N, C-alpha and C. Protein backbone atom coordinates (compact mmCIF):
# COMPACT_ATOMS: atom_id res chain seq x y z
N UNK A 1 -16.67 27.13 1.60
CA UNK A 1 -17.85 26.63 0.94
C UNK A 1 -18.42 25.50 1.79
N UNK A 2 -19.73 25.50 1.96
CA UNK A 2 -20.39 24.47 2.76
C UNK A 2 -21.02 23.44 1.85
N UNK A 3 -20.76 22.19 2.16
CA UNK A 3 -21.33 21.09 1.39
C UNK A 3 -22.37 20.39 2.25
N UNK A 4 -23.58 20.26 1.72
CA UNK A 4 -24.62 19.48 2.37
C UNK A 4 -25.27 18.63 1.29
N UNK A 5 -25.28 17.33 1.50
CA UNK A 5 -25.75 16.42 0.47
C UNK A 5 -27.05 15.76 0.88
N UNK A 6 -27.86 15.43 -0.14
CA UNK A 6 -29.06 14.64 0.08
C UNK A 6 -29.01 13.42 -0.84
N UNK A 7 -29.97 12.56 -0.72
CA UNK A 7 -29.94 11.32 -1.50
C UNK A 7 -30.74 11.41 -2.79
N UNK A 8 -31.17 12.62 -3.16
CA UNK A 8 -32.01 12.79 -4.34
C UNK A 8 -31.25 12.82 -5.66
N UNK A 9 -29.97 13.11 -5.63
CA UNK A 9 -29.18 13.15 -6.86
C UNK A 9 -27.74 12.76 -6.54
N UNK A 10 -26.97 12.42 -7.58
CA UNK A 10 -25.59 12.01 -7.34
C UNK A 10 -24.79 13.11 -6.64
N UNK A 11 -23.90 12.70 -5.75
CA UNK A 11 -23.12 13.66 -4.96
C UNK A 11 -22.28 14.56 -5.85
N UNK A 12 -21.68 14.01 -6.91
CA UNK A 12 -20.83 14.86 -7.74
C UNK A 12 -21.63 15.99 -8.38
N UNK A 13 -22.90 15.73 -8.74
CA UNK A 13 -23.74 16.79 -9.31
C UNK A 13 -24.10 17.84 -8.25
N UNK A 14 -24.28 17.39 -7.01
CA UNK A 14 -24.55 18.33 -5.93
C UNK A 14 -23.33 19.21 -5.67
N UNK A 15 -22.13 18.64 -5.81
CA UNK A 15 -20.89 19.42 -5.66
C UNK A 15 -20.81 20.44 -6.79
N UNK A 16 -21.13 20.04 -8.01
CA UNK A 16 -21.14 20.96 -9.15
C UNK A 16 -22.08 22.12 -8.87
N UNK A 17 -23.28 21.82 -8.39
CA UNK A 17 -24.25 22.88 -8.10
C UNK A 17 -23.76 23.81 -6.99
N UNK A 18 -23.08 23.25 -6.00
CA UNK A 18 -22.54 24.05 -4.91
C UNK A 18 -21.48 25.02 -5.44
N UNK A 19 -20.58 24.51 -6.27
CA UNK A 19 -19.57 25.37 -6.89
C UNK A 19 -20.23 26.44 -7.76
N UNK A 20 -21.18 26.00 -8.57
CA UNK A 20 -21.87 26.92 -9.48
C UNK A 20 -22.52 28.06 -8.70
N UNK A 21 -23.21 27.72 -7.64
CA UNK A 21 -23.85 28.71 -6.79
C UNK A 21 -22.84 29.66 -6.17
N UNK A 22 -21.73 29.11 -5.70
CA UNK A 22 -20.68 29.94 -5.09
C UNK A 22 -20.02 30.86 -6.10
N UNK A 23 -19.88 30.40 -7.34
CA UNK A 23 -19.30 31.24 -8.39
C UNK A 23 -20.27 32.35 -8.77
N UNK A 24 -21.55 31.99 -8.96
CA UNK A 24 -22.54 32.99 -9.37
C UNK A 24 -22.80 34.03 -8.30
N UNK A 25 -22.68 33.64 -7.04
CA UNK A 25 -22.92 34.59 -5.95
C UNK A 25 -21.71 35.47 -5.66
N UNK A 26 -20.56 35.09 -6.24
CA UNK A 26 -19.34 35.87 -5.99
C UNK A 26 -18.54 35.37 -4.80
N UNK A 27 -19.03 34.33 -4.13
CA UNK A 27 -18.28 33.76 -3.00
C UNK A 27 -16.92 33.24 -3.48
N UNK A 28 -16.93 32.60 -4.65
CA UNK A 28 -15.69 32.18 -5.29
C UNK A 28 -15.36 33.22 -6.36
N UNK A 29 -14.27 33.93 -6.18
CA UNK A 29 -13.90 35.06 -7.03
C UNK A 29 -13.34 34.57 -8.36
N UNK A 30 -13.79 35.18 -9.48
CA UNK A 30 -13.24 34.80 -10.78
C UNK A 30 -11.71 34.91 -10.79
N UNK A 31 -11.07 33.88 -11.32
CA UNK A 31 -9.62 33.85 -11.40
C UNK A 31 -8.94 33.29 -10.16
N UNK A 32 -9.70 33.03 -9.10
CA UNK A 32 -9.09 32.54 -7.87
C UNK A 32 -8.74 31.05 -8.00
N UNK A 33 -7.75 30.65 -7.24
CA UNK A 33 -7.25 29.27 -7.27
C UNK A 33 -8.20 28.36 -6.49
N UNK A 34 -8.44 27.19 -7.06
CA UNK A 34 -9.28 26.17 -6.42
C UNK A 34 -8.38 25.29 -5.57
N UNK A 35 -8.84 24.92 -4.40
CA UNK A 35 -8.06 24.04 -3.52
C UNK A 35 -7.78 22.71 -4.23
N UNK A 36 -6.72 22.02 -3.83
CA UNK A 36 -6.44 20.70 -4.42
C UNK A 36 -7.59 19.71 -4.17
N UNK A 37 -7.71 18.74 -5.05
CA UNK A 37 -8.79 17.75 -5.00
C UNK A 37 -8.87 17.08 -3.63
N UNK A 38 -7.76 16.65 -3.11
CA UNK A 38 -7.77 15.94 -1.81
C UNK A 38 -8.28 16.84 -0.68
N UNK A 39 -7.88 18.10 -0.69
CA UNK A 39 -8.35 19.03 0.35
C UNK A 39 -9.86 19.26 0.23
N UNK A 40 -10.34 19.45 -1.00
CA UNK A 40 -11.77 19.64 -1.20
C UNK A 40 -12.56 18.40 -0.80
N UNK A 41 -12.03 17.23 -1.17
CA UNK A 41 -12.71 15.97 -0.83
C UNK A 41 -12.80 15.81 0.68
N UNK A 42 -11.73 16.13 1.37
CA UNK A 42 -11.71 16.04 2.83
C UNK A 42 -12.72 17.01 3.44
N UNK A 43 -12.73 18.23 2.93
CA UNK A 43 -13.66 19.26 3.42
C UNK A 43 -15.12 18.84 3.20
N UNK A 44 -15.38 18.20 2.04
CA UNK A 44 -16.75 17.80 1.71
C UNK A 44 -17.12 16.44 2.30
N UNK A 45 -16.11 15.69 2.73
CA UNK A 45 -16.37 14.36 3.28
C UNK A 45 -16.72 13.35 2.20
N UNK A 46 -16.09 13.50 1.03
CA UNK A 46 -16.36 12.58 -0.08
C UNK A 46 -15.06 11.95 -0.56
N UNK A 47 -15.20 10.93 -1.38
CA UNK A 47 -14.05 10.27 -1.99
C UNK A 47 -13.37 11.24 -2.97
N UNK A 48 -12.05 11.28 -3.04
CA UNK A 48 -11.36 12.16 -4.00
C UNK A 48 -11.80 11.93 -5.45
N UNK A 49 -12.16 10.68 -5.80
CA UNK A 49 -12.63 10.41 -7.16
C UNK A 49 -13.95 11.13 -7.45
N UNK A 50 -14.80 11.23 -6.44
CA UNK A 50 -16.07 11.95 -6.60
C UNK A 50 -15.80 13.43 -6.83
N UNK A 51 -14.88 13.99 -6.06
CA UNK A 51 -14.54 15.40 -6.22
C UNK A 51 -13.90 15.63 -7.59
N UNK A 52 -13.03 14.72 -8.01
CA UNK A 52 -12.40 14.83 -9.33
C UNK A 52 -13.45 14.84 -10.43
N UNK A 53 -14.46 13.99 -10.30
CA UNK A 53 -15.53 13.92 -11.29
C UNK A 53 -16.30 15.24 -11.34
N UNK A 54 -16.56 15.83 -10.17
CA UNK A 54 -17.26 17.11 -10.11
C UNK A 54 -16.43 18.22 -10.76
N UNK A 55 -15.14 18.23 -10.48
CA UNK A 55 -14.27 19.26 -11.06
C UNK A 55 -14.15 19.08 -12.57
N UNK A 56 -14.14 17.85 -13.04
CA UNK A 56 -14.12 17.60 -14.48
C UNK A 56 -15.38 18.15 -15.14
N UNK A 57 -16.52 17.98 -14.47
CA UNK A 57 -17.78 18.52 -15.00
C UNK A 57 -17.75 20.05 -15.00
N UNK A 58 -17.18 20.65 -13.96
CA UNK A 58 -17.06 22.12 -13.91
C UNK A 58 -16.15 22.63 -15.03
N UNK A 59 -15.13 21.85 -15.36
CA UNK A 59 -14.28 22.23 -16.49
C UNK A 59 -15.05 22.12 -17.79
N UNK A 60 -15.85 21.07 -17.92
CA UNK A 60 -16.67 20.91 -19.13
C UNK A 60 -17.63 22.09 -19.29
N UNK A 61 -18.15 22.58 -18.17
CA UNK A 61 -19.05 23.74 -18.18
C UNK A 61 -18.30 25.07 -18.32
N UNK A 62 -16.97 24.99 -18.35
CA UNK A 62 -16.08 26.14 -18.46
C UNK A 62 -16.19 27.10 -17.27
N UNK A 63 -16.51 26.55 -16.10
CA UNK A 63 -16.54 27.35 -14.88
C UNK A 63 -15.21 27.26 -14.14
N UNK A 64 -14.45 26.23 -14.46
CA UNK A 64 -13.13 26.02 -13.87
C UNK A 64 -12.18 25.70 -15.02
N UNK A 65 -10.95 26.17 -14.91
CA UNK A 65 -9.94 25.84 -15.92
C UNK A 65 -8.70 25.30 -15.22
N UNK A 66 -7.98 24.44 -15.92
CA UNK A 66 -6.75 23.87 -15.39
C UNK A 66 -5.56 24.47 -16.11
N UNK A 67 -4.60 24.92 -15.33
CA UNK A 67 -3.32 25.36 -15.89
C UNK A 67 -2.32 24.28 -15.50
N UNK A 68 -1.66 23.75 -16.47
CA UNK A 68 -0.86 22.54 -16.33
C UNK A 68 -0.01 22.48 -15.06
N UNK A 69 0.75 23.49 -14.77
CA UNK A 69 1.66 23.41 -13.61
C UNK A 69 1.17 24.20 -12.40
N UNK A 70 0.07 24.91 -12.54
CA UNK A 70 -0.38 25.79 -11.46
C UNK A 70 -1.62 25.32 -10.73
N UNK A 71 -2.38 24.40 -11.32
CA UNK A 71 -3.59 23.92 -10.67
C UNK A 71 -4.85 24.40 -11.36
N UNK A 72 -5.94 24.38 -10.61
CA UNK A 72 -7.25 24.78 -11.16
C UNK A 72 -7.61 26.17 -10.67
N UNK A 73 -8.35 26.87 -11.54
CA UNK A 73 -8.78 28.23 -11.23
C UNK A 73 -10.23 28.42 -11.65
N UNK A 74 -10.94 29.27 -10.90
CA UNK A 74 -12.29 29.66 -11.27
C UNK A 74 -12.19 30.49 -12.55
N UNK A 75 -13.12 30.29 -13.46
CA UNK A 75 -13.08 31.03 -14.72
C UNK A 75 -13.05 32.54 -14.46
N UNK A 76 -12.38 33.24 -15.33
CA UNK A 76 -12.40 34.70 -15.24
C UNK A 76 -13.17 35.29 -16.41
N UNK A 77 -14.00 34.46 -17.05
CA UNK A 77 -14.86 34.91 -18.14
C UNK A 77 -16.13 35.53 -17.54
N UNK A 78 -16.05 36.81 -17.23
CA UNK A 78 -17.17 37.49 -16.57
C UNK A 78 -18.46 37.44 -17.37
N UNK A 79 -18.36 37.47 -18.71
CA UNK A 79 -19.56 37.41 -19.54
C UNK A 79 -20.28 36.07 -19.34
N UNK A 80 -19.51 35.00 -19.25
CA UNK A 80 -20.08 33.67 -19.04
C UNK A 80 -20.77 33.60 -17.67
N UNK A 81 -20.12 34.13 -16.66
CA UNK A 81 -20.70 34.13 -15.31
C UNK A 81 -21.99 34.95 -15.29
N UNK A 82 -21.97 36.11 -15.92
CA UNK A 82 -23.17 36.96 -15.95
C UNK A 82 -24.32 36.28 -16.70
N UNK A 83 -24.00 35.60 -17.81
CA UNK A 83 -25.04 34.89 -18.56
C UNK A 83 -25.64 33.78 -17.70
N UNK A 84 -24.79 33.03 -17.01
CA UNK A 84 -25.28 31.96 -16.15
C UNK A 84 -26.10 32.52 -14.99
N UNK A 85 -25.68 33.66 -14.45
CA UNK A 85 -26.42 34.31 -13.37
C UNK A 85 -27.82 34.72 -13.86
N UNK A 86 -27.87 35.29 -15.06
CA UNK A 86 -29.16 35.70 -15.63
C UNK A 86 -30.04 34.49 -15.90
N UNK A 87 -29.45 33.42 -16.46
CA UNK A 87 -30.21 32.20 -16.72
C UNK A 87 -30.77 31.61 -15.43
N UNK A 88 -29.96 31.62 -14.37
CA UNK A 88 -30.42 31.11 -13.07
C UNK A 88 -31.56 31.97 -12.52
N UNK A 89 -31.43 33.29 -12.66
CA UNK A 89 -32.48 34.20 -12.20
C UNK A 89 -33.77 33.97 -12.99
N UNK A 90 -33.64 33.81 -14.30
CA UNK A 90 -34.82 33.56 -15.15
C UNK A 90 -35.52 32.27 -14.73
N UNK A 91 -34.76 31.22 -14.44
CA UNK A 91 -35.34 29.95 -14.01
C UNK A 91 -36.07 30.11 -12.68
N UNK A 92 -35.47 30.86 -11.76
CA UNK A 92 -36.12 31.11 -10.46
C UNK A 92 -37.42 31.89 -10.63
N UNK A 93 -37.40 32.87 -11.50
CA UNK A 93 -38.60 33.70 -11.75
C UNK A 93 -39.70 32.84 -12.36
N UNK A 94 -39.36 32.00 -13.33
CA UNK A 94 -40.37 31.13 -13.95
C UNK A 94 -40.95 30.16 -12.93
N UNK A 95 -40.11 29.63 -12.06
CA UNK A 95 -40.58 28.74 -11.01
C UNK A 95 -41.53 29.47 -10.06
N UNK A 96 -41.17 30.70 -9.70
CA UNK A 96 -42.01 31.52 -8.83
C UNK A 96 -43.37 31.76 -9.48
N UNK A 97 -43.36 32.13 -10.75
CA UNK A 97 -44.61 32.40 -11.46
C UNK A 97 -45.50 31.16 -11.47
N UNK A 98 -44.92 30.01 -11.73
CA UNK A 98 -45.69 28.77 -11.74
C UNK A 98 -46.30 28.48 -10.37
N UNK A 99 -45.52 28.68 -9.31
CA UNK A 99 -46.04 28.44 -7.95
C UNK A 99 -47.17 29.43 -7.62
N UNK A 100 -47.02 30.67 -8.02
CA UNK A 100 -48.05 31.67 -7.76
C UNK A 100 -49.33 31.37 -8.54
N UNK A 101 -49.18 30.89 -9.77
CA UNK A 101 -50.36 30.51 -10.56
C UNK A 101 -51.10 29.35 -9.89
N UNK A 102 -50.35 28.43 -9.28
CA UNK A 102 -50.98 27.32 -8.56
C UNK A 102 -51.75 27.81 -7.34
N UNK A 103 -51.32 28.96 -6.81
CA UNK A 103 -52.03 29.56 -5.67
C UNK A 103 -53.24 30.38 -6.12
N UNK A 104 -53.42 30.49 -7.43
CA UNK A 104 -54.59 31.20 -7.95
C UNK A 104 -54.32 32.61 -8.43
N UNK A 105 -53.08 33.05 -8.41
CA UNK A 105 -52.75 34.39 -8.90
C UNK A 105 -52.64 34.36 -10.43
N UNK A 106 -53.09 35.43 -11.04
CA UNK A 106 -52.89 35.59 -12.47
C UNK A 106 -51.59 36.36 -12.68
N UNK A 107 -50.97 36.16 -13.83
CA UNK A 107 -49.69 36.83 -14.11
C UNK A 107 -49.82 38.34 -13.97
N UNK A 108 -50.95 38.88 -14.40
CA UNK A 108 -51.13 40.34 -14.36
C UNK A 108 -51.18 40.89 -12.94
N UNK A 109 -51.48 40.07 -11.96
CA UNK A 109 -51.58 40.56 -10.58
C UNK A 109 -50.28 40.34 -9.79
N UNK A 110 -49.29 39.71 -10.40
CA UNK A 110 -48.06 39.41 -9.67
C UNK A 110 -47.20 40.63 -9.40
N UNK A 111 -47.14 41.56 -10.33
CA UNK A 111 -46.28 42.73 -10.16
C UNK A 111 -46.69 43.56 -8.94
N UNK A 112 -47.97 43.88 -8.77
CA UNK A 112 -48.35 44.62 -7.55
C UNK A 112 -48.03 43.85 -6.26
N UNK A 113 -48.20 42.53 -6.28
CA UNK A 113 -47.89 41.71 -5.11
C UNK A 113 -46.40 41.80 -4.81
N UNK A 114 -45.58 41.72 -5.85
CA UNK A 114 -44.11 41.81 -5.67
C UNK A 114 -43.69 43.20 -5.19
N UNK A 115 -44.28 44.24 -5.75
CA UNK A 115 -43.94 45.60 -5.33
C UNK A 115 -44.26 45.81 -3.86
N UNK A 116 -45.38 45.27 -3.42
CA UNK A 116 -45.78 45.39 -2.02
C UNK A 116 -44.78 44.63 -1.13
N UNK A 117 -44.37 43.47 -1.56
CA UNK A 117 -43.45 42.66 -0.77
C UNK A 117 -42.07 43.30 -0.68
N UNK A 118 -41.69 44.05 -1.69
CA UNK A 118 -40.37 44.68 -1.73
C UNK A 118 -40.29 45.96 -0.89
N UNK A 119 -41.43 46.46 -0.43
CA UNK A 119 -41.45 47.70 0.37
C UNK A 119 -40.90 47.47 1.75
């Protein structure tokens, strides 16, 4: 997983988004073991406390679970992953529609434009 940070939002939230994106894209396989906090922090170039905070947020979102003696794992709740994937796609589509409307396109003309682009 590649970490690239900017100064627009807290680093731990950027780490959460990176994990979320990797889970939704399938890069991180459901049920797979998550590296230890120190290893992830070293890989990302952040303080272990920052990584711990990000992982705690991922647990709150139920994208990561902790097994007491085994460590952390990516959720294997495929329905949850699919719902989040659909929600992310819907948000991207709405953003696209808004940008196209700003360019002067009407909603009714977007489908032919998209079909042409997909050819």
